[in-house]
Amino acid sequence: MSGLVDHSGIRELVVEASSIVAGYLRDIAGSQELADYMGRGAGGDTSYRADILAEEILIDFLRKEHFPARIVTEEKGVVDIVSKPEYLVLVDPLDGSLNYVSMIPYASVSIAVALVRKPFFSQVIAGCVSNIFLRETYSFSIENGVWVNGVRVEEPLCSGRAFIVYSSNPKLYRVAAEYVRENREYKLRILGSAALELCYSVLGRTAIYYNDSGKLRNIDVVAGAGFVRRLRGAVVDRYGRELDFRLDGLYRISSIVAGCRENVYRFIEYIRGRGYVVDS
């Protein structure tokens, strides 16, 4: 597959890869040994046996497909599966692992692809998030648009009512609660899979995704945020600046706000007016 330039083909590849892993995880969900603690991965988070298994299956699939990849992943860090990789593949093989091992049906598999020579979020060429329990895939490529399962999506849906807020500053929750009270159609939620929460923010399921906890890594958000951006949603930091970040290793994301553009900028202006966000 060396020299591959058909980005729509890459979308199909990552849809297949993520669907295989999601299907495997769905089939074995509930097995007690999947919750075994395996230490901490390269990203610093708790690793369960389920995380390790999912990552091994995904890497093995890409290796068998002879995809010329440098893989950036939750457990192993950076892994080259060929001597001269052409593509960066950022993988979160089980986003929402605590949900998954607790049998809370909200978890996903996410994959995003960029060129090794262009290792930035703004240069992502394709990606996919597979919803393990709903059996849905949310995918995109720069050549082939945005897809939910086999249906192309042309416009974002902005009717979501779940307002997602993660923050290291407890004052934000008070401000967010005030905003929700003033906009009674919204309800505050924390669901536990960033990739899904991001995709949902432009599919009419959640209204907005806000996270300034400092705990997110690039692998957590790159596929979901790529989906939002390709569907003409906003992906910005808490100051309202277009977000970009490196992909050639594991990097922390200090803040991200994503969703339909009107929803995002209205909320940023609201919290700025309450003194929470100040211009940098």
C-alpha atoms as a PDB file:
ATOM      1  CA  MET A   1       0.000   0.000   0.000  1.00  0.00           C
ATOM      2  CA  SER A   2       3.065   2.257  -0.160  1.00  0.00           C
ATOM      3  CA  GLY A   3       2.436   5.491  -2.036  1.00  0.00           C
ATOM      4  CA  LEU A   4      -1.263   5.492  -1.164  1.00  0.00           C
ATOM      5  CA  VAL A   5      -2.845   8.860  -1.993  1.00  0.00           C
ATOM      6  CA  ASP A   6      -6.568   8.017  -2.194  1.00  0.00           C
ATOM      7  CA  HIS A   7      -7.840   9.544   1.042  1.00  0.00           C
ATOM      8  CA  SER A   8     -11.342   8.146   0.544  1.00  0.00           C
ATOM      9  CA  GLY A   9      -9.696   4.719   0.516  1.00  0.00           C
ATOM     10  CA  ILE A  10      -8.083   5.547   3.833  1.00  0.00           C
ATOM     11  CA  ARG A  11     -11.489   6.422   5.258  1.00  0.00           C
ATOM     12  CA  GLU A  12     -12.760   3.000   4.243  1.00  0.00           C
ATOM     13  CA  LEU A  13      -9.696   1.364   5.800  1.00  0.00           C
ATOM     14  CA  VAL A  14     -10.114   3.064   9.175  1.00  0.00           C
ATOM     15  CA  VAL A  15     -13.870   2.368   9.157  1.00  0.00           C
ATOM     16  CA  GLU A  16     -13.087  -1.306   8.668  1.00  0.00           C
ATOM     17  CA  ALA A  17     -10.374  -1.275  11.340  1.00  0.00           C
ATOM     18  CA  SER A  18     -12.449   0.507  13.952  1.00  0.00           C
ATOM     19  CA  SER A  19     -15.522  -1.626  13.180  1.00  0.00           C
ATOM     20  CA  ILE A  20     -13.533  -4.835  13.655  1.00  0.00           C
ATOM     21  CA  VAL A  21     -12.242  -3.700  17.038  1.00  0.00           C
ATOM     22  CA  ALA A  22     -15.642  -2.374  18.109  1.00  0.00           C
ATOM     23  CA  GLY A  23     -17.302  -5.649  17.096  1.00  0.00           C
ATOM     24  CA  TYR A  24     -14.772  -7.677  19.059  1.00  0.00           C
ATOM     25  CA  LEU A  25     -15.228  -5.520  22.152  1.00  0.00           C
ATOM     26  CA  ARG A  26     -18.995  -5.731  21.849  1.00  0.00           C
ATOM     27  CA  ASP A  27     -18.885  -9.535  21.577  1.00  0.00           C
ATOM     28  CA  ILE A  28     -16.777  -9.992  24.715  1.00  0.00           C
ATOM     29  CA  ALA A  29     -18.319  -7.202  26.807  1.00  0.00           C
ATOM     30  CA  GLY A  30     -19.037  -8.299  30.358  1.00  0.00           C
ATOM     31  CA  SER A  31     -16.116 -10.724  30.666  1.00  0.00           C
ATOM     32  CA  GLN A  32     -14.717 -10.203  34.145  1.00  0.00           C
ATOM     33  CA  GLU A  33     -11.041 -10.423  33.172  1.00  0.00           C
ATOM     34  CA  LEU A  34     -11.385  -7.403  30.855  1.00  0.00           C
ATOM     35  CA  ALA A  35     -11.424  -5.169  33.948  1.00  0.00           C
ATOM     36  CA  ASP A  36      -8.023  -6.457  35.163  1.00  0.00           C
ATOM     37  CA  TYR A  37      -5.706  -3.558  35.977  1.00  0.00           C
ATOM     38  CA  MET A  38      -2.636  -3.660  33.712  1.00  0.00           C
ATOM     39  CA  GLY A  39      -0.750  -0.595  34.962  1.00  0.00           C
ATOM     40  CA  ARG A  40      -0.547   2.714  33.146  1.00  0.00           C
ATOM     41  CA  GLY A  41      -0.133   3.191  29.442  1.00  0.00           C
ATOM     42  CA  ALA A  42       2.185   5.567  27.588  1.00  0.00           C
ATOM     43  CA  GLY A  43      -0.442   8.290  27.955  1.00  0.00           C
ATOM     44  CA  GLY A  44      -0.415   7.965  31.739  1.00  0.00           C
ATOM     45  CA  ASP A  45      -3.969   6.682  32.139  1.00  0.00           C
ATOM     46  CA  THR A  46      -5.111   3.485  33.812  1.00  0.00           C
ATOM     47  CA  SER A  47      -4.926   0.525  31.452  1.00  0.00           C
ATOM     48  CA  TYR A  48      -7.357  -2.363  31.647  1.00  0.00           C
ATOM     49  CA  ARG A  49      -6.931  -5.682  29.900  1.00  0.00           C
ATOM     50  CA  ALA A  50      -9.635  -4.546  27.465  1.00  0.00           C
ATOM     51  CA  ASP A  51      -7.482  -1.555  26.417  1.00  0.00           C
ATOM     52  CA  ILE A  52      -4.496  -3.798  25.710  1.00  0.00           C
ATOM     53  CA  LEU A  53      -6.520  -6.313  23.698  1.00  0.00           C
ATOM     54  CA  ALA A  54      -8.212  -3.627  21.609  1.00  0.00           C
ATOM     55  CA  GLU A  55      -4.909  -1.966  20.790  1.00  0.00           C
ATOM     56  CA  GLU A  56      -3.260  -5.248  19.802  1.00  0.00           C
ATOM     57  CA  ILE A  57      -6.119  -6.118  17.434  1.00  0.00           C
ATOM     58  CA  LEU A  58      -6.027  -2.708  15.783  1.00  0.00           C
ATOM     59  CA  ILE A  59      -2.257  -2.644  15.296  1.00  0.00           C
ATOM     60  CA  ASP A  60      -2.323  -6.217  13.984  1.00  0.00           C
ATOM     61  CA  PHE A  61      -4.999  -5.268  11.444  1.00  0.00           C
ATOM     62  CA  LEU A  62      -2.976  -2.321  10.101  1.00  0.00           C
ATOM     63  CA  ARG A  63       0.135  -4.472   9.950  1.00  0.00           C
ATOM     64  CA  LYS A  64      -1.664  -7.196   7.958  1.00  0.00           C
ATOM     65  CA  GLU A  65      -2.984  -4.523   5.576  1.00  0.00           C
ATOM     66  CA  HIS A  66       0.628  -3.385   5.019  1.00  0.00           C
ATOM     67  CA  PHE A  67      -0.427   0.151   5.797  1.00  0.00           C
ATOM     68  CA  PRO A  68       2.764   2.289   5.920  1.00  0.00           C
ATOM     69  CA  ALA A  69       2.028   3.722   9.352  1.00  0.00           C
ATOM     70  CA  ARG A  70       3.618   5.264  12.378  1.00  0.00           C
ATOM     71  CA  ILE A  71       1.035   4.603  15.071  1.00  0.00           C
ATOM     72  CA  VAL A  72       0.542   6.908  18.053  1.00  0.00           C
ATOM     73  CA  THR A  73      -1.453   5.016  20.596  1.00  0.00           C
ATOM     74  CA  GLU A  74      -2.715   5.026  24.166  1.00  0.00           C
ATOM     75  CA  GLU A  75      -0.750   2.075  25.505  1.00  0.00           C
ATOM     76  CA  LYS A  76       2.496   1.740  23.525  1.00  0.00           C
ATOM     77  CA  GLY A  77       3.141   5.351  22.570  1.00  0.00           C
ATOM     78  CA  VAL A  78       4.742   5.631  19.105  1.00  0.00           C
ATOM     79  CA  VAL A  79       5.138   2.443  17.058  1.00  0.00           C
ATOM     80  CA  ASP A  80       6.414   2.143  13.482  1.00  0.00           C
ATOM     81  CA  ILE A  81       4.986  -0.895  11.687  1.00  0.00           C
ATOM     82  CA  VAL A  82       7.149  -0.320   8.582  1.00  0.00           C
ATOM     83  CA  SER A  83      10.694   0.976   8.221  1.00  0.00           C
ATOM     84  CA  LYS A  84       9.660   4.144   6.368  1.00  0.00           C
ATOM     85  CA  PRO A  85       6.180   5.186   7.487  1.00  0.00           C
ATOM     86  CA  GLU A  86       4.224   7.606   5.311  1.00  0.00           C
ATOM     87  CA  TYR A  87       1.198   8.074   7.557  1.00  0.00           C
ATOM     88  CA  LEU A  88       0.586   8.958  11.168  1.00  0.00           C
ATOM     89  CA  VAL A  89      -2.274   6.942  12.649  1.00  0.00           C
ATOM     90  CA  LEU A  90      -3.571   8.212  15.976  1.00  0.00           C
ATOM     91  CA  VAL A  91      -5.500   5.555  17.837  1.00  0.00           C
ATOM     92  CA  ASP A  92      -7.646   5.412  20.925  1.00  0.00           C
ATOM     93  CA  PRO A  93      -8.706   1.754  20.740  1.00  0.00           C
ATOM     94  CA  LEU A  94     -11.136   2.037  23.659  1.00  0.00           C
ATOM     95  CA  ASP A  95     -12.306   5.541  24.529  1.00  0.00           C
ATOM     96  CA  GLY A  96     -14.462   5.268  27.627  1.00  0.00           C
ATOM     97  CA  SER A  97     -12.734   2.181  28.999  1.00  0.00           C
ATOM     98  CA  LEU A  98     -14.101   2.634  32.530  1.00  0.00           C
ATOM     99  CA  ASN A  99     -17.605   2.805  31.071  1.00  0.00           C
ATOM    100  CA  TYR A 100     -16.877  -0.308  29.047  1.00  0.00           C
ATOM    101  CA  VAL A 101     -15.516  -2.488  31.872  1.00  0.00           C
ATOM    102  CA  SER A 102     -18.355  -1.233  34.109  1.00  0.00           C
ATOM    103  CA  MET A 103     -20.893  -2.320  31.452  1.00  0.00           C
ATOM    104  CA  ILE A 104     -22.068   1.256  30.937  1.00  0.00           C
ATOM    105  CA  PRO A 105     -22.888   1.209  27.204  1.00  0.00           C
ATOM    106  CA  TYR A 106     -21.057   4.365  26.146  1.00  0.00           C
ATOM    107  CA  ALA A 107     -17.623   3.718  24.641  1.00  0.00           C
ATOM    108  CA  SER A 108     -15.927   3.929  21.259  1.00  0.00           C
ATOM    109  CA  VAL A 109     -12.948   3.151  19.062  1.00  0.00           C
ATOM    110  CA  SER A 110     -11.358   6.135  17.314  1.00  0.00           C
ATOM    111  CA  ILE A 111      -8.720   6.426  14.584  1.00  0.00           C
ATOM    112  CA  ALA A 112      -7.375   9.441  12.688  1.00  0.00           C
ATOM    113  CA  VAL A 113      -4.796   9.624   9.891  1.00  0.00           C
ATOM    114  CA  ALA A 114      -2.397  12.349   8.754  1.00  0.00           C
ATOM    115  CA  LEU A 115       0.797  12.410   6.719  1.00  0.00           C
ATOM    116  CA  VAL A 116       4.057  11.972   8.642  1.00  0.00           C
ATOM    117  CA  ARG A 117       5.371  15.106   6.978  1.00  0.00           C
ATOM    118  CA  LYS A 118       2.321  17.128   8.098  1.00  0.00           C
ATOM    119  CA  PRO A 119       1.862  16.121  11.756  1.00  0.00           C
ATOM    120  CA  PHE A 120      -0.890  18.539  12.780  1.00  0.00           C
ATOM    121  CA  PHE A 121      -4.608  18.292  13.535  1.00  0.00           C
ATOM    122  CA  SER A 122      -5.338  20.845  10.801  1.00  0.00           C
ATOM    123  CA  GLN A 123      -3.793  18.385   8.307  1.00  0.00           C
ATOM    124  CA  VAL A 124      -5.807  15.269   9.232  1.00  0.00           C
ATOM    125  CA  ILE A 125      -6.951  13.535   6.050  1.00  0.00           C
ATOM    126  CA  ALA A 126      -9.359  10.892   7.371  1.00  0.00           C
ATOM    127  CA  GLY A 127     -10.786   9.446  10.541  1.00  0.00           C
ATOM    128  CA  CYS A 128     -13.450   7.301  12.131  1.00  0.00           C
ATOM    129  CA  VAL A 129     -15.168   6.881  15.485  1.00  0.00           C
ATOM    130  CA  SER A 130     -17.011   3.583  16.016  1.00  0.00           C
ATOM    131  CA  ASN A 131     -19.715   3.482  18.641  1.00  0.00           C
ATOM    132  CA  ILE A 132     -19.265   0.076  20.267  1.00  0.00           C
ATOM    133  CA  PHE A 133     -22.753  -0.441  21.642  1.00  0.00           C
ATOM    134  CA  LEU A 134     -24.886   1.470  19.118  1.00  0.00           C
ATOM    135  CA  ARG A 135     -23.077  -0.178  16.169  1.00  0.00           C
ATOM    136  CA  GLU A 136     -22.643   3.191  14.462  1.00  0.00           C
ATOM    137  CA  THR A 137     -19.606   4.650  12.687  1.00  0.00           C
ATOM    138  CA  TYR A 138     -18.914   8.368  12.227  1.00  0.00           C
ATOM    139  CA  SER A 139     -16.254   8.895   9.579  1.00  0.00           C
ATOM    140  CA  PHE A 140     -14.765  11.516   7.286  1.00  0.00           C
ATOM    141  CA  SER A 141     -12.063  12.240   4.751  1.00  0.00           C
ATOM    142  CA  ILE A 142     -10.945  15.416   3.051  1.00  0.00           C
ATOM    143  CA  GLU A 143     -11.910  13.972  -0.355  1.00  0.00           C
ATOM    144  CA  ASN A 144     -15.021  11.997   0.527  1.00  0.00           C
ATOM    145  CA  GLY A 145     -16.928  14.085   3.069  1.00  0.00           C
ATOM    146  CA  VAL A 146     -18.646  13.032   6.303  1.00  0.00           C
ATOM    147  CA  TRP A 147     -20.525   9.791   6.863  1.00  0.00           C
ATOM    148  CA  VAL A 148     -22.698   8.157   9.514  1.00  0.00           C
ATOM    149  CA  ASN A 149     -22.613   4.456   8.724  1.00  0.00           C
ATOM    150  CA  GLY A 150     -23.243   4.321   4.955  1.00  0.00           C
ATOM    151  CA  VAL A 151     -25.064   7.649   4.719  1.00  0.00           C
ATOM    152  CA  ARG A 152     -23.318  10.854   3.730  1.00  0.00           C
ATOM    153  CA  VAL A 153     -24.093  13.824   5.979  1.00  0.00           C
ATOM    154  CA  GLU A 154     -24.077  17.258   4.353  1.00  0.00           C
ATOM    155  CA  GLU A 155     -25.149  19.605   7.153  1.00  0.00           C
ATOM    156  CA  PRO A 156     -24.608  19.672  10.929  1.00  0.00           C
ATOM    157  CA  LEU A 157     -27.586  19.197  13.220  1.00  0.00           C
ATOM    158  CA  CYS A 158     -27.705  21.705  16.053  1.00  0.00           C
ATOM    159  CA  SER A 159     -30.679  20.541  18.105  1.00  0.00           C
ATOM    160  CA  GLY A 160     -28.782  18.690  20.838  1.00  0.00           C
ATOM    161  CA  ARG A 161     -29.788  19.291  24.448  1.00  0.00           C
ATOM    162  CA  ALA A 162     -27.037  17.573  26.468  1.00  0.00           C
ATOM    163  CA  PHE A 163     -24.460  20.189  27.472  1.00  0.00           C
ATOM    164  CA  ILE A 164     -21.080  18.507  28.068  1.00  0.00           C
ATOM    165  CA  VAL A 165     -18.688  20.273  30.463  1.00  0.00           C
ATOM    166  CA  TYR A 166     -15.412  18.994  31.950  1.00  0.00           C
ATOM    167  CA  SER A 167     -13.276  21.504  33.834  1.00  0.00           C
ATOM    168  CA  SER A 168     -10.409  21.806  36.310  1.00  0.00           C
ATOM    169  CA  ASN A 169     -12.063  24.970  37.665  1.00  0.00           C
ATOM    170  CA  PRO A 170     -15.155  24.307  39.796  1.00  0.00           C
ATOM    171  CA  LYS A 171     -16.334  27.875  39.182  1.00  0.00           C
ATOM    172  CA  LEU A 172     -17.041  26.947  35.579  1.00  0.00           C
ATOM    173  CA  TYR A 173     -19.717  24.505  36.671  1.00  0.00           C
ATOM    174  CA  ARG A 174     -21.573  27.296  38.393  1.00  0.00           C
ATOM    175  CA  VAL A 175     -21.289  29.478  35.298  1.00  0.00           C
ATOM    176  CA  ALA A 176     -22.325  26.580  33.035  1.00  0.00           C
ATOM    177  CA  ALA A 177     -25.257  25.790  35.320  1.00  0.00           C
ATOM    178  CA  GLU A 178     -26.369  29.413  35.090  1.00  0.00           C
ATOM    179  CA  TYR A 179     -26.178  29.222  31.310  1.00  0.00           C
ATOM    180  CA  VAL A 180     -28.220  26.008  31.300  1.00  0.00           C
ATOM    181  CA  ARG A 181     -30.848  27.536  33.579  1.00  0.00           C
ATOM    182  CA  GLU A 182     -31.167  30.472  31.192  1.00  0.00           C
ATOM    183  CA  ASN A 183     -31.472  28.073  28.246  1.00  0.00           C
ATOM    184  CA  ARG A 184     -33.938  25.587  29.609  1.00  0.00           C
ATOM    185  CA  GLU A 185     -33.708  23.165  26.714  1.00  0.00           C
ATOM    186  CA  TYR A 186     -30.195  22.197  27.889  1.00  0.00           C
ATOM    187  CA  LYS A 187     -29.136  19.695  30.578  1.00  0.00           C
ATOM    188  CA  LEU A 188     -25.606  19.299  31.962  1.00  0.00           C
ATOM    189  CA  ARG A 189     -24.042  15.895  31.343  1.00  0.00           C
ATOM    190  CA  ILE A 190     -20.683  14.114  31.568  1.00  0.00           C
ATOM    191  CA  LEU A 191     -20.818  10.935  29.483  1.00  0.00           C
ATOM    192  CA  GLY A 192     -17.263   9.612  29.473  1.00  0.00           C
ATOM    193  CA  SER A 193     -16.137   9.203  25.844  1.00  0.00           C
ATOM    194  CA  ALA A 194     -14.688  12.358  24.305  1.00  0.00           C
ATOM    195  CA  ALA A 195     -14.749  10.955  20.769  1.00  0.00           C
ATOM    196  CA  LEU A 196     -18.484  10.232  20.934  1.00  0.00           C
ATOM    197  CA  GLU A 197     -19.324  13.468  22.738  1.00  0.00           C
ATOM    198  CA  LEU A 198     -17.540  15.414  20.007  1.00  0.00           C
ATOM    199  CA  CYS A 199     -19.268  13.621  17.124  1.00  0.00           C
ATOM    200  CA  TYR A 200     -22.627  14.007  18.827  1.00  0.00           C
ATOM    201  CA  SER A 201     -22.153  17.783  19.080  1.00  0.00           C
ATOM    202  CA  VAL A 202     -22.863  18.164  15.335  1.00  0.00           C
ATOM    203  CA  LEU A 203     -25.344  15.295  15.031  1.00  0.00           C
ATOM    204  CA  GLY A 204     -28.109  16.877  17.096  1.00  0.00           C
ATOM    205  CA  ARG A 205     -27.435  14.687  20.138  1.00  0.00           C
ATOM    206  CA  THR A 206     -25.318  16.965  22.327  1.00  0.00           C
ATOM    207  CA  ALA A 207     -25.314  20.747  22.191  1.00  0.00           C
ATOM    208  CA  ILE A 208     -21.663  21.452  22.941  1.00  0.00           C
ATOM    209  CA  TYR A 209     -18.463  19.815  24.159  1.00  0.00           C
ATOM    210  CA  TYR A 210     -16.290  21.843  26.554  1.00  0.00           C
ATOM    211  CA  ASN A 211     -13.156  20.535  28.265  1.00  0.00           C
ATOM    212  CA  ASP A 212     -10.427  22.557  29.963  1.00  0.00           C
ATOM    213  CA  SER A 213      -9.429  19.846  32.464  1.00  0.00           C
ATOM    214  CA  GLY A 214      -5.941  19.506  30.966  1.00  0.00           C
ATOM    215  CA  LYS A 215      -6.323  15.713  31.021  1.00  0.00           C
ATOM    216  CA  LEU A 216      -7.164  15.242  27.355  1.00  0.00           C
ATOM    217  CA  ARG A 217      -4.531  13.978  24.915  1.00  0.00           C
ATOM    218  CA  ASN A 218      -4.486  14.414  21.159  1.00  0.00           C
ATOM    219  CA  ILE A 219      -5.475  10.774  20.647  1.00  0.00           C
ATOM    220  CA  ASP A 220      -8.640  11.343  22.704  1.00  0.00           C
ATOM    221  CA  VAL A 221     -10.026  14.084  20.492  1.00  0.00           C
ATOM    222  CA  VAL A 222      -8.425  14.058  17.054  1.00  0.00           C
ATOM    223  CA  ALA A 223     -10.917  11.767  15.281  1.00  0.00           C
ATOM    224  CA  GLY A 224     -14.017  13.260  16.909  1.00  0.00           C
ATOM    225  CA  ALA A 225     -12.800  16.832  16.466  1.00  0.00           C
ATOM    226  CA  GLY A 226     -11.899  16.069  12.849  1.00  0.00           C
ATOM    227  CA  PHE A 227     -15.460  14.874  12.298  1.00  0.00           C
ATOM    228  CA  VAL A 228     -16.807  18.133  13.775  1.00  0.00           C
ATOM    229  CA  ARG A 229     -14.532  20.302  11.653  1.00  0.00           C
ATOM    230  CA  ARG A 230     -15.292  18.433   8.425  1.00  0.00           C
ATOM    231  CA  LEU A 231     -18.996  19.013   9.104  1.00  0.00           C
ATOM    232  CA  ARG A 232     -18.288  22.752   9.400  1.00  0.00           C
ATOM    233  CA  GLY A 233     -18.577  22.837  13.173  1.00  0.00           C
ATOM    234  CA  ALA A 234     -16.277  24.858  15.426  1.00  0.00           C
ATOM    235  CA  VAL A 235     -13.230  23.321  17.107  1.00  0.00           C
ATOM    236  CA  VAL A 236     -11.590  26.049  19.187  1.00  0.00           C
ATOM    237  CA  ASP A 237      -9.837  26.588  22.498  1.00  0.00           C
ATOM    238  CA  ARG A 238     -11.570  28.314  25.407  1.00  0.00           C
ATOM    239  CA  TYR A 239     -10.539  31.715  24.020  1.00  0.00           C
ATOM    240  CA  GLY A 240     -12.361  31.002  20.752  1.00  0.00           C
ATOM    241  CA  ARG A 241      -9.169  30.470  18.719  1.00  0.00           C
ATOM    242  CA  GLU A 242      -9.117  27.779  16.029  1.00  0.00           C
ATOM    243  CA  LEU A 243      -7.508  24.738  17.615  1.00  0.00           C
ATOM    244  CA  ASP A 244      -4.455  22.988  16.214  1.00  0.00           C
ATOM    245  CA  PHE A 245      -2.042  20.551  17.848  1.00  0.00           C
ATOM    246  CA  ARG A 246       0.745  18.137  17.003  1.00  0.00           C
ATOM    247  CA  LEU A 247       0.134  14.498  16.129  1.00  0.00           C
ATOM    248  CA  ASP A 248       3.613  12.961  16.077  1.00  0.00           C
ATOM    249  CA  GLY A 249       3.546  11.934  19.746  1.00  0.00           C
ATOM    250  CA  LEU A 250       1.282  12.034  22.768  1.00  0.00           C
ATOM    251  CA  TYR A 251       0.438  15.644  23.642  1.00  0.00           C
ATOM    252  CA  ARG A 252      -1.937  17.230  26.134  1.00  0.00           C
ATOM    253  CA  ILE A 253      -4.781  19.468  24.987  1.00  0.00           C
ATOM    254  CA  SER A 254      -5.227  22.371  27.413  1.00  0.00           C
ATOM    255  CA  SER A 255      -8.771  23.206  26.294  1.00  0.00           C
ATOM    256  CA  ILE A 256     -11.255  22.423  23.552  1.00  0.00           C
ATOM    257  CA  VAL A 257     -14.732  23.694  22.744  1.00  0.00           C
ATOM    258  CA  ALA A 258     -16.599  22.015  19.892  1.00  0.00           C
ATOM    259  CA  GLY A 259     -20.019  21.836  18.290  1.00  0.00           C
ATOM    260  CA  CYS A 260     -22.159  23.856  15.927  1.00  0.00           C
ATOM    261  CA  ARG A 261     -20.527  27.241  15.496  1.00  0.00           C
ATOM    262  CA  GLU A 262     -23.419  29.281  16.842  1.00  0.00           C
ATOM    263  CA  ASN A 263     -23.643  27.164  20.007  1.00  0.00           C
ATOM    264  CA  VAL A 264     -19.893  27.312  20.643  1.00  0.00           C
ATOM    265  CA  TYR A 265     -19.386  31.044  20.222  1.00  0.00           C
ATOM    266  CA  ARG A 266     -22.533  31.922  22.153  1.00  0.00           C
ATOM    267  CA  PHE A 267     -21.272  29.915  25.138  1.00  0.00           C
ATOM    268  CA  ILE A 268     -17.751  31.362  24.922  1.00  0.00           C
ATOM    269  CA  GLU A 269     -19.165  34.878  24.915  1.00  0.00           C
ATOM    270  CA  TYR A 270     -21.349  34.023  27.895  1.00  0.00           C
ATOM    271  CA  ILE A 271     -18.512  32.700  30.064  1.00  0.00           C
ATOM    272  CA  ARG A 272     -16.264  35.559  28.943  1.00  0.00           C
ATOM    273  CA  GLY A 273     -18.948  37.970  30.093  1.00  0.00           C
ATOM    274  CA  ARG A 274     -18.922  36.250  33.494  1.00  0.00           C
ATOM    275  CA  GLY A 275     -15.171  36.791  33.798  1.00  0.00           C
ATOM    276  CA  TYR A 276     -14.247  33.142  33.370  1.00  0.00           C
ATOM    277  CA  VAL A 277     -12.441  33.457  30.057  1.00  0.00           C
ATOM    278  CA  VAL A 278     -10.107  36.384  29.500  1.00  0.00           C
ATOM    279  CA  ASP A 279      -8.272  37.209  26.329  1.00  0.00           C
ATOM    280  CA  SER A 280      -4.746  35.835  26.338  1.00  0.00           C
END
